[in-house]
Protein backbone atom coordinates (compact mmCIF):
# COMPACT_ATOMS: atom_id res chain seq x y z
CA MET A 1 35.86 -28.23 76.85
CA ASN A 2 33.35 -26.20 78.79
CA ASN A 3 34.11 -22.90 77.05
CA PRO A 4 33.03 -22.98 73.37
CA SER A 5 35.45 -20.18 72.43
CA PRO A 6 38.49 -20.27 74.71
CA THR A 7 41.13 -17.57 74.44
CA VAL A 8 44.73 -18.77 74.52
CA PHE A 9 47.73 -16.46 74.82
CA ILE A 10 51.00 -17.74 73.37
CA VAL A 11 54.09 -15.96 74.67
CA ASP A 12 57.29 -16.84 72.84
CA ASP A 13 60.10 -14.78 71.35
CA GLU A 14 60.39 -17.23 68.46
CA PRO A 15 57.76 -15.99 65.95
CA LEU A 16 57.85 -19.18 63.87
CA LEU A 17 57.11 -21.38 66.88
CA SER A 18 54.24 -19.11 67.96
CA GLU A 19 52.77 -19.18 64.48
CA MET A 20 53.11 -22.96 64.17
CA LEU A 21 51.50 -23.56 67.58
CA SER A 22 48.70 -21.12 66.79
CA ASP A 23 48.03 -22.83 63.45
CA TYR A 24 48.05 -26.26 65.07
CA LEU A 25 45.63 -25.26 67.81
CA THR A 26 43.17 -23.64 65.39
CA GLN A 27 43.34 -26.68 63.09
CA GLN A 28 42.49 -28.93 66.04
CA TYR A 29 39.69 -26.68 67.27
CA ALA A 30 38.42 -23.80 65.17
CA GLY A 31 36.80 -22.19 68.23
CA PHE A 32 40.09 -21.11 69.78
CA THR A 33 40.88 -17.42 69.89
CA ILE A 34 44.68 -17.23 69.80
CA LYS A 35 46.76 -14.17 70.59
CA SER A 36 50.53 -14.34 70.26
CA PHE A 37 52.99 -12.10 72.07
CA PRO A 38 56.74 -11.79 71.39
CA THR A 39 57.40 -10.47 74.91
CA GLY A 40 56.10 -11.16 78.36
CA GLU A 41 55.48 -7.48 78.91
CA ALA A 42 53.10 -7.37 75.94
CA CYS A 43 51.22 -10.32 77.41
CA LEU A 44 51.00 -8.65 80.82
CA GLU A 45 49.55 -5.52 79.21
CA SER A 46 46.76 -7.67 77.75
CA LEU A 47 45.84 -9.72 80.83
CA HIS A 48 42.74 -7.54 81.23
CA GLU A 49 41.36 -9.50 78.23
CA ASN A 50 41.04 -12.49 80.59
CA PRO A 51 42.54 -15.34 78.57
CA ASP A 52 41.49 -18.85 79.52
CA THR A 53 45.08 -20.08 79.54
CA ILE A 54 48.60 -18.97 78.63
CA VAL A 55 51.37 -20.95 76.96
CA LEU A 56 54.62 -19.33 78.10
CA ASP A 57 58.18 -19.91 76.92
CA TYR A 58 60.54 -20.64 79.81
CA TYR A 59 63.57 -19.10 78.10
CA LEU A 60 61.73 -16.01 76.93
CA ASN A 61 64.16 -13.21 76.02
CA SER A 62 67.20 -15.38 76.75
CA ARG A 63 69.18 -13.46 74.12
CA GLU A 64 68.47 -10.07 75.70
CA LYS A 65 70.44 -8.91 78.70
CA ASP A 66 68.33 -7.91 81.72
CA ALA A 67 65.03 -8.72 79.97
CA ALA A 68 62.23 -10.49 81.84
CA ASN A 69 62.36 -14.25 81.34
CA GLY A 70 59.53 -16.77 81.47
CA ILE A 71 59.76 -17.30 85.22
CA ASP A 72 59.64 -13.53 85.83
CA ILE A 73 56.54 -13.28 83.66
CA LEU A 74 54.94 -16.33 85.30
CA GLN A 75 55.39 -14.74 88.72
CA GLU A 76 53.82 -11.48 87.52
CA ILE A 77 50.89 -13.30 85.90
CA LYS A 78 50.24 -15.14 89.18
CA LYS A 79 50.40 -11.86 91.13
CA GLN A 80 47.69 -10.45 88.89
CA ASN A 81 45.55 -13.58 88.56
CA LYS A 82 46.48 -16.53 90.74
CA ALA A 83 43.85 -18.79 89.12
CA LEU A 84 44.95 -18.24 85.50
CA PRO A 85 46.38 -21.52 84.13
CA VAL A 86 49.86 -21.17 82.64
CA ILE A 87 51.57 -23.93 80.65
CA MET A 88 55.35 -23.51 80.53
CA LEU A 89 57.08 -24.51 77.31
CA SER A 90 60.81 -25.24 77.18
CA SER A 91 63.41 -27.13 75.23
CA GLN A 92 65.07 -28.14 78.51
CA LYS A 93 64.40 -31.63 79.87
CA SER A 94 65.82 -30.76 83.25
CA TYR A 95 64.32 -30.83 86.72
CA VAL A 96 66.27 -27.60 87.31
CA THR A 97 64.00 -25.75 84.83
CA ALA A 98 60.79 -27.70 85.40
CA SER A 99 60.81 -27.34 89.18
CA PRO A 100 60.69 -23.50 89.34
CA SER A 101 57.90 -23.49 86.75
CA ILE A 102 55.69 -25.67 88.91
CA MET A 103 56.81 -23.99 92.13
CA TYR A 104 55.73 -20.57 90.80
CA GLY A 105 52.34 -21.81 89.66
CA ALA A 106 52.51 -23.31 86.17
CA VAL A 107 49.93 -26.07 85.73
CA HIS A 108 52.23 -28.05 83.48
CA TYR A 109 55.71 -28.05 81.95
CA VAL A 110 55.89 -29.14 78.29
CA ILE A 111 59.15 -29.97 76.55
CA LYS A 112 59.44 -28.64 73.01
CA GLY A 113 59.53 -31.44 70.51
CA GLN A 114 57.50 -33.49 68.11
CA GLU A 115 54.58 -34.17 70.46
CA ALA A 116 54.57 -30.80 72.25
CA PHE A 117 51.78 -29.20 70.21
CA GLU A 118 49.43 -32.15 70.74
CA GLU A 119 50.28 -32.23 74.44
CA ILE A 120 49.51 -28.51 74.73
CA TYR A 121 46.22 -28.98 72.86
CA GLN A 122 45.19 -31.81 75.20
CA LEU A 123 46.13 -29.74 78.26
CA ILE A 124 44.13 -26.75 77.04
CA LYS A 125 41.12 -28.99 76.36
CA ALA A 126 41.35 -30.29 79.92
CA ILE A 127 41.74 -26.78 81.37
CA VAL A 128 38.99 -24.94 79.52
């Protein structure tokens, strides 16, 4: 890690998952500054804070009709800051969901599961 105090944004509409990931990351490395957002729009409003990386839920807002999903938010993030690393997080193990994530600029696609938090931690360490 080159940055001694990296800022990580977590964007997920499942508060428990966001809290668990945040706790895990700060236990692994106390220097992380973690900000969690329940919506992609809230994250976009805070991009001026220049996070070092973003962990973004693929199926963000899947229960809300006409709400921006993870791919929509990923595209907007990349419009505003093409170099900002985004890690997509999804429960889907399908090429159909992974492919658009990478195509629109995500640096990695992580499948939710037992090892996901450690994988995210290792990716963030490599990025920052």
